[in-house]
């Protein structure tokens, strides 16, 4: 018979100096579907393994914690195959965070195929400082550029330093 109380109960241990630790694996510790493990910030960080893993260091399909690795990862440092959300986020799909690296990157510093951020680096980039092939930004550097200061092969800006403009300007004096 399935026991809901066992599923919802965390095994809390009161350790030395009154610290709480959470150590929970369901259905068993040998093969946890859900694993929640934390040292509550004291002592050696605990590693949580499971399909759903939460803890100091979490590894699973869905992972959350200070360091998280999974298909979907969220935490301070998040590595996700499809989605990474965190202060530092790395992903093969969508990455969002202060520093984001992924196919689609959103963050203060965004690096990816498509990047959106204060500093955006990618094939398609949009940001205050944008570097890439097709870029829009206050300072735009790339092949096709649009911005206040435009540096590149084609494009326009308030201060255009583009190949097209330089060739046009040189043509005036020929």
C-alpha atoms as a PDB file:
ATOM      1  CA  UNK A   1       0.000   0.000   0.000  1.00  0.00           C
ATOM      2  CA  UNK A   2       1.329   3.445  -0.942  1.00  0.00           C
ATOM      3  CA  UNK A   3       1.940   5.729   2.029  1.00  0.00           C
ATOM      4  CA  UNK A   4       1.485   9.439   1.266  1.00  0.00           C
ATOM      5  CA  UNK A   5       2.824  10.325   4.684  1.00  0.00           C
ATOM      6  CA  UNK A   6       6.145   8.675   3.786  1.00  0.00           C
ATOM      7  CA  UNK A   7       6.332  10.617   0.520  1.00  0.00           C
ATOM      8  CA  UNK A   8       5.698  13.948   2.225  1.00  0.00           C
ATOM      9  CA  UNK A   9       7.900  13.358   5.283  1.00  0.00           C
ATOM     10  CA  UNK A  10      11.454  14.644   5.200  1.00  0.00           C
ATOM     11  CA  UNK A  11      14.009  12.805   7.256  1.00  0.00           C
ATOM     12  CA  UNK A  12      15.403  15.687   9.298  1.00  0.00           C
ATOM     13  CA  UNK A  13      18.413  15.113  11.448  1.00  0.00           C
ATOM     14  CA  UNK A  14      19.403  17.487  14.189  1.00  0.00           C
ATOM     15  CA  UNK A  15      23.182  17.422  14.139  1.00  0.00           C
ATOM     16  CA  UNK A  16      25.831  19.063  16.252  1.00  0.00           C
ATOM     17  CA  UNK A  17      25.521  22.758  17.013  1.00  0.00           C
ATOM     18  CA  UNK A  18      21.785  22.614  16.309  1.00  0.00           C
ATOM     19  CA  UNK A  19      22.123  22.492  12.520  1.00  0.00           C
ATOM     20  CA  UNK A  20      19.400  20.932  10.406  1.00  0.00           C
ATOM     21  CA  UNK A  21      20.212  18.643   7.535  1.00  0.00           C
ATOM     22  CA  UNK A  22      17.747  17.320   5.000  1.00  0.00           C
ATOM     23  CA  UNK A  23      18.418  13.873   3.629  1.00  0.00           C
ATOM     24  CA  UNK A  24      15.457  12.472   1.706  1.00  0.00           C
ATOM     25  CA  UNK A  25      15.284   9.917  -1.089  1.00  0.00           C
ATOM     26  CA  UNK A  26      12.052   8.464  -2.425  1.00  0.00           C
ATOM     27  CA  UNK A  27      11.164   5.613  -2.911  1.00  0.00           C
ATOM     28  CA  UNK A  28      14.549   4.232  -1.803  1.00  0.00           C
ATOM     29  CA  UNK A  29      18.058   5.544  -1.356  1.00  0.00           C
ATOM     30  CA  UNK A  30      19.356   2.925  -3.837  1.00  0.00           C
ATOM     31  CA  UNK A  31      17.239   4.256  -6.738  1.00  0.00           C
ATOM     32  CA  UNK A  32      15.788   7.648  -5.828  1.00  0.00           C
ATOM     33  CA  UNK A  33      13.178   9.191  -8.082  1.00  0.00           C
ATOM     34  CA  UNK A  34      13.143  12.251  -5.830  1.00  0.00           C
ATOM     35  CA  UNK A  35      16.298  13.157  -3.938  1.00  0.00           C
ATOM     36  CA  UNK A  36      16.620  16.137  -1.609  1.00  0.00           C
ATOM     37  CA  UNK A  37      19.934  16.448   0.241  1.00  0.00           C
ATOM     38  CA  UNK A  38      21.453  19.464   1.910  1.00  0.00           C
ATOM     39  CA  UNK A  39      23.950  20.112   4.655  1.00  0.00           C
ATOM     40  CA  UNK A  40      22.242  23.443   5.465  1.00  0.00           C
ATOM     41  CA  UNK A  41      25.372  25.373   4.551  1.00  0.00           C
ATOM     42  CA  UNK A  42      27.611  23.783   7.156  1.00  0.00           C
ATOM     43  CA  UNK A  43      30.152  21.119   6.608  1.00  0.00           C
ATOM     44  CA  UNK A  44      30.716  19.171   3.437  1.00  0.00           C
ATOM     45  CA  UNK A  45      28.097  19.788   0.704  1.00  0.00           C
ATOM     46  CA  UNK A  46      25.832  16.844  -0.004  1.00  0.00           C
ATOM     47  CA  UNK A  47      25.206  15.528  -3.514  1.00  0.00           C
ATOM     48  CA  UNK A  48      21.652  14.679  -4.571  1.00  0.00           C
ATOM     49  CA  UNK A  49      21.182  12.123  -7.385  1.00  0.00           C
ATOM     50  CA  UNK A  50      17.752  11.312  -8.809  1.00  0.00           C
ATOM     51  CA  UNK A  51      15.267  12.006 -11.561  1.00  0.00           C
ATOM     52  CA  UNK A  52      14.302  15.101  -9.548  1.00  0.00           C
ATOM     53  CA  UNK A  53      17.270  16.273  -7.476  1.00  0.00           C
ATOM     54  CA  UNK A  54      17.455  19.227  -5.100  1.00  0.00           C
ATOM     55  CA  UNK A  55      20.418  19.993  -2.890  1.00  0.00           C
ATOM     56  CA  UNK A  56      23.809  21.572  -2.445  1.00  0.00           C
ATOM     57  CA  UNK A  57      24.997  19.764  -5.579  1.00  0.00           C
ATOM     58  CA  UNK A  58      22.162  18.272  -7.655  1.00  0.00           C
ATOM     59  CA  UNK A  59      22.425  15.841 -10.565  1.00  0.00           C
ATOM     60  CA  UNK A  60      19.256  14.617 -12.273  1.00  0.00           C
ATOM     61  CA  UNK A  61      16.797  15.121 -15.116  1.00  0.00           C
ATOM     62  CA  UNK A  62      15.425  18.118 -13.217  1.00  0.00           C
ATOM     63  CA  UNK A  63      18.081  19.556 -10.910  1.00  0.00           C
ATOM     64  CA  UNK A  64      18.077  22.511  -8.557  1.00  0.00           C
ATOM     65  CA  UNK A  65      20.704  23.689  -6.123  1.00  0.00           C
ATOM     66  CA  UNK A  66      23.887  25.644  -5.654  1.00  0.00           C
ATOM     67  CA  UNK A  67      25.361  23.579  -8.494  1.00  0.00           C
ATOM     68  CA  UNK A  68      22.787  21.871 -10.722  1.00  0.00           C
ATOM     69  CA  UNK A  69      23.380  19.516 -13.641  1.00  0.00           C
ATOM     70  CA  UNK A  70      20.512  18.031 -15.662  1.00  0.00           C
ATOM     71  CA  UNK A  71      18.200  18.260 -18.635  1.00  0.00           C
ATOM     72  CA  UNK A  72      16.635  21.204 -16.799  1.00  0.00           C
ATOM     73  CA  UNK A  73      18.959  22.889 -14.309  1.00  0.00           C
ATOM     74  CA  UNK A  74      18.343  25.839 -12.030  1.00  0.00           C
ATOM     75  CA  UNK A  75      20.551  27.266  -9.319  1.00  0.00           C
ATOM     76  CA  UNK A  76      23.595  29.431  -8.707  1.00  0.00           C
ATOM     77  CA  UNK A  77      25.560  27.490 -11.333  1.00  0.00           C
ATOM     78  CA  UNK A  78      23.162  25.701 -13.668  1.00  0.00           C
ATOM     79  CA  UNK A  79      24.074  23.336 -16.478  1.00  0.00           C
ATOM     80  CA  UNK A  80      21.064  22.149 -18.453  1.00  0.00           C
ATOM     81  CA  UNK A  81      20.852  20.249 -21.699  1.00  0.00           C
ATOM     82  CA  UNK A  82      17.607  22.022 -22.671  1.00  0.00           C
ATOM     83  CA  UNK A  83      17.175  24.769 -20.052  1.00  0.00           C
ATOM     84  CA  UNK A  84      19.574  26.451 -17.666  1.00  0.00           C
ATOM     85  CA  UNK A  85      18.437  29.130 -15.224  1.00  0.00           C
ATOM     86  CA  UNK A  86      20.858  30.629 -12.729  1.00  0.00           C
ATOM     87  CA  UNK A  87      23.484  33.210 -11.932  1.00  0.00           C
ATOM     88  CA  UNK A  88      25.786  31.344 -14.315  1.00  0.00           C
ATOM     89  CA  UNK A  89      23.719  29.325 -16.788  1.00  0.00           C
ATOM     90  CA  UNK A  90      24.985  27.027 -19.527  1.00  0.00           C
ATOM     91  CA  UNK A  91      22.637  25.165 -21.826  1.00  0.00           C
ATOM     92  CA  UNK A  92      22.304  23.572 -25.226  1.00  0.00           C
ATOM     93  CA  UNK A  93      18.920  25.306 -25.500  1.00  0.00           C
ATOM     94  CA  UNK A  94      17.738  28.301 -23.474  1.00  0.00           C
ATOM     95  CA  UNK A  95      20.130  29.804 -20.942  1.00  0.00           C
ATOM     96  CA  UNK A  96      19.066  32.691 -18.714  1.00  0.00           C
ATOM     97  CA  UNK A  97      21.127  34.318 -15.992  1.00  0.00           C
ATOM     98  CA  UNK A  98      23.677  36.970 -15.164  1.00  0.00           C
ATOM     99  CA  UNK A  99      26.118  35.082 -17.388  1.00  0.00           C
ATOM    100  CA  UNK A 100      24.268  32.954 -19.949  1.00  0.00           C
ATOM    101  CA  UNK A 101      25.814  30.661 -22.538  1.00  0.00           C
ATOM    102  CA  UNK A 102      23.542  28.669 -24.850  1.00  0.00           C
ATOM    103  CA  UNK A 103      21.809  28.502 -28.215  1.00  0.00           C
ATOM    104  CA  UNK A 104      19.388  31.174 -26.999  1.00  0.00           C
ATOM    105  CA  UNK A 105      21.079  33.230 -24.279  1.00  0.00           C
ATOM    106  CA  UNK A 106      19.414  35.888 -22.135  1.00  0.00           C
ATOM    107  CA  UNK A 107      21.452  37.718 -19.515  1.00  0.00           C
ATOM    108  CA  UNK A 108      23.714  40.579 -18.545  1.00  0.00           C
ATOM    109  CA  UNK A 109      26.450  38.804 -20.491  1.00  0.00           C
ATOM    110  CA  UNK A 110      24.858  36.581 -23.128  1.00  0.00           C
ATOM    111  CA  UNK A 111      26.813  34.315 -25.457  1.00  0.00           C
ATOM    112  CA  UNK A 112      25.043  32.104 -27.972  1.00  0.00           C
ATOM    113  CA  UNK A 113      23.665  31.700 -31.445  1.00  0.00           C
ATOM    114  CA  UNK A 114      20.969  34.220 -30.523  1.00  0.00           C
ATOM    115  CA  UNK A 115      21.959  36.489 -27.635  1.00  0.00           C
ATOM    116  CA  UNK A 116      20.081  39.209 -25.772  1.00  0.00           C
ATOM    117  CA  UNK A 117      21.796  41.138 -22.984  1.00  0.00           C
ATOM    118  CA  UNK A 118      23.816  44.136 -21.904  1.00  0.00           C
ATOM    119  CA  UNK A 119      26.777  42.480 -23.609  1.00  0.00           C
ATOM    120  CA  UNK A 120      25.532  40.127 -26.324  1.00  0.00           C
ATOM    121  CA  UNK A 121      27.817  37.929 -28.399  1.00  0.00           C
ATOM    122  CA  UNK A 122      26.369  35.651 -31.059  1.00  0.00           C
ATOM    123  CA  UNK A 123      25.311  35.171 -34.645  1.00  0.00           C
ATOM    124  CA  UNK A 124      22.221  37.274 -33.884  1.00  0.00           C
ATOM    125  CA  UNK A 125      22.897  39.713 -31.041  1.00  0.00           C
ATOM    126  CA  UNK A 126      20.861  42.462 -29.406  1.00  0.00           C
ATOM    127  CA  UNK A 127      22.349  44.486 -26.560  1.00  0.00           C
ATOM    128  CA  UNK A 128      24.041  47.632 -25.351  1.00  0.00           C
ATOM    129  CA  UNK A 129      27.267  46.152 -26.718  1.00  0.00           C
ATOM    130  CA  UNK A 130      26.449  43.640 -29.446  1.00  0.00           C
ATOM    131  CA  UNK A 131      29.010  41.540 -31.299  1.00  0.00           C
ATOM    132  CA  UNK A 132      28.136  39.068 -34.037  1.00  0.00           C
ATOM    133  CA  UNK A 133      26.985  38.596 -37.595  1.00  0.00           C
ATOM    134  CA  UNK A 134      23.598  40.361 -37.410  1.00  0.00           C
ATOM    135  CA  UNK A 135      23.667  42.848 -34.529  1.00  0.00           C
ATOM    136  CA  UNK A 136      21.660  45.702 -33.046  1.00  0.00           C
ATOM    137  CA  UNK A 137      23.037  47.721 -30.147  1.00  0.00           C
ATOM    138  CA  UNK A 138      24.314  51.025 -28.840  1.00  0.00           C
ATOM    139  CA  UNK A 139      27.737  49.763 -29.880  1.00  0.00           C
ATOM    140  CA  UNK A 140      27.305  47.240 -32.682  1.00  0.00           C
ATOM    141  CA  UNK A 141      30.238  45.261 -34.032  1.00  0.00           C
ATOM    142  CA  UNK A 142      29.810  42.698 -36.806  1.00  0.00           C
ATOM    143  CA  UNK A 143      28.922  42.034 -40.418  1.00  0.00           C
ATOM    144  CA  UNK A 144      25.459  43.638 -40.571  1.00  0.00           C
ATOM    145  CA  UNK A 145      25.278  46.294 -37.845  1.00  0.00           C
ATOM    146  CA  UNK A 146      22.703  48.799 -36.598  1.00  0.00           C
ATOM    147  CA  UNK A 147      23.393  51.075 -33.649  1.00  0.00           C
ATOM    148  CA  UNK A 148      24.629  54.389 -32.348  1.00  0.00           C
ATOM    149  CA  UNK A 149      28.232  53.363 -32.990  1.00  0.00           C
ATOM    150  CA  UNK A 150      28.213  50.886 -35.865  1.00  0.00           C
ATOM    151  CA  UNK A 151      31.416  49.034 -36.661  1.00  0.00           C
ATOM    152  CA  UNK A 152      31.258  46.436 -39.411  1.00  0.00           C
ATOM    153  CA  UNK A 153      30.887  45.566 -43.065  1.00  0.00           C
ATOM    154  CA  UNK A 154      27.280  46.671 -43.712  1.00  0.00           C
ATOM    155  CA  UNK A 155      24.836  48.738 -41.711  1.00  0.00           C
ATOM    156  CA  UNK A 156      24.255  52.202 -40.369  1.00  0.00           C
ATOM    157  CA  UNK A 157      24.473  54.202 -37.183  1.00  0.00           C
ATOM    158  CA  UNK A 158      24.926  57.645 -35.706  1.00  0.00           C
ATOM    159  CA  UNK A 159      28.685  57.057 -35.886  1.00  0.00           C
ATOM    160  CA  UNK A 160      29.013  54.681 -38.841  1.00  0.00           C
ATOM    161  CA  UNK A 161      32.349  52.934 -39.169  1.00  0.00           C
ATOM    162  CA  UNK A 162      31.143  50.488 -41.779  1.00  0.00           C
ATOM    163  CA  UNK A 163      32.681  49.323 -45.045  1.00  0.00           C
ATOM    164  CA  UNK A 164      29.739  50.673 -47.067  1.00  0.00           C
ATOM    165  CA  UNK A 165      30.095  54.170 -45.566  1.00  0.00           C
ATOM    166  CA  UNK A 166      33.868  54.247 -46.011  1.00  0.00           C
ATOM    167  CA  UNK A 167      33.567  53.164 -49.666  1.00  0.00           C
ATOM    168  CA  UNK A 168      30.840  55.805 -50.268  1.00  0.00           C
ATOM    169  CA  UNK A 169      32.949  58.488 -48.616  1.00  0.00           C
ATOM    170  CA  UNK A 170      36.002  57.441 -50.692  1.00  0.00           C
ATOM    171  CA  UNK A 171      33.859  57.606 -53.850  1.00  0.00           C
ATOM    172  CA  UNK A 172      33.150  61.308 -53.205  1.00  0.00           C
ATOM    173  CA  UNK A 173      36.817  62.134 -53.664  1.00  0.00           C
ATOM    174  CA  UNK A 174      37.540  60.004 -56.740  1.00  0.00           C
END
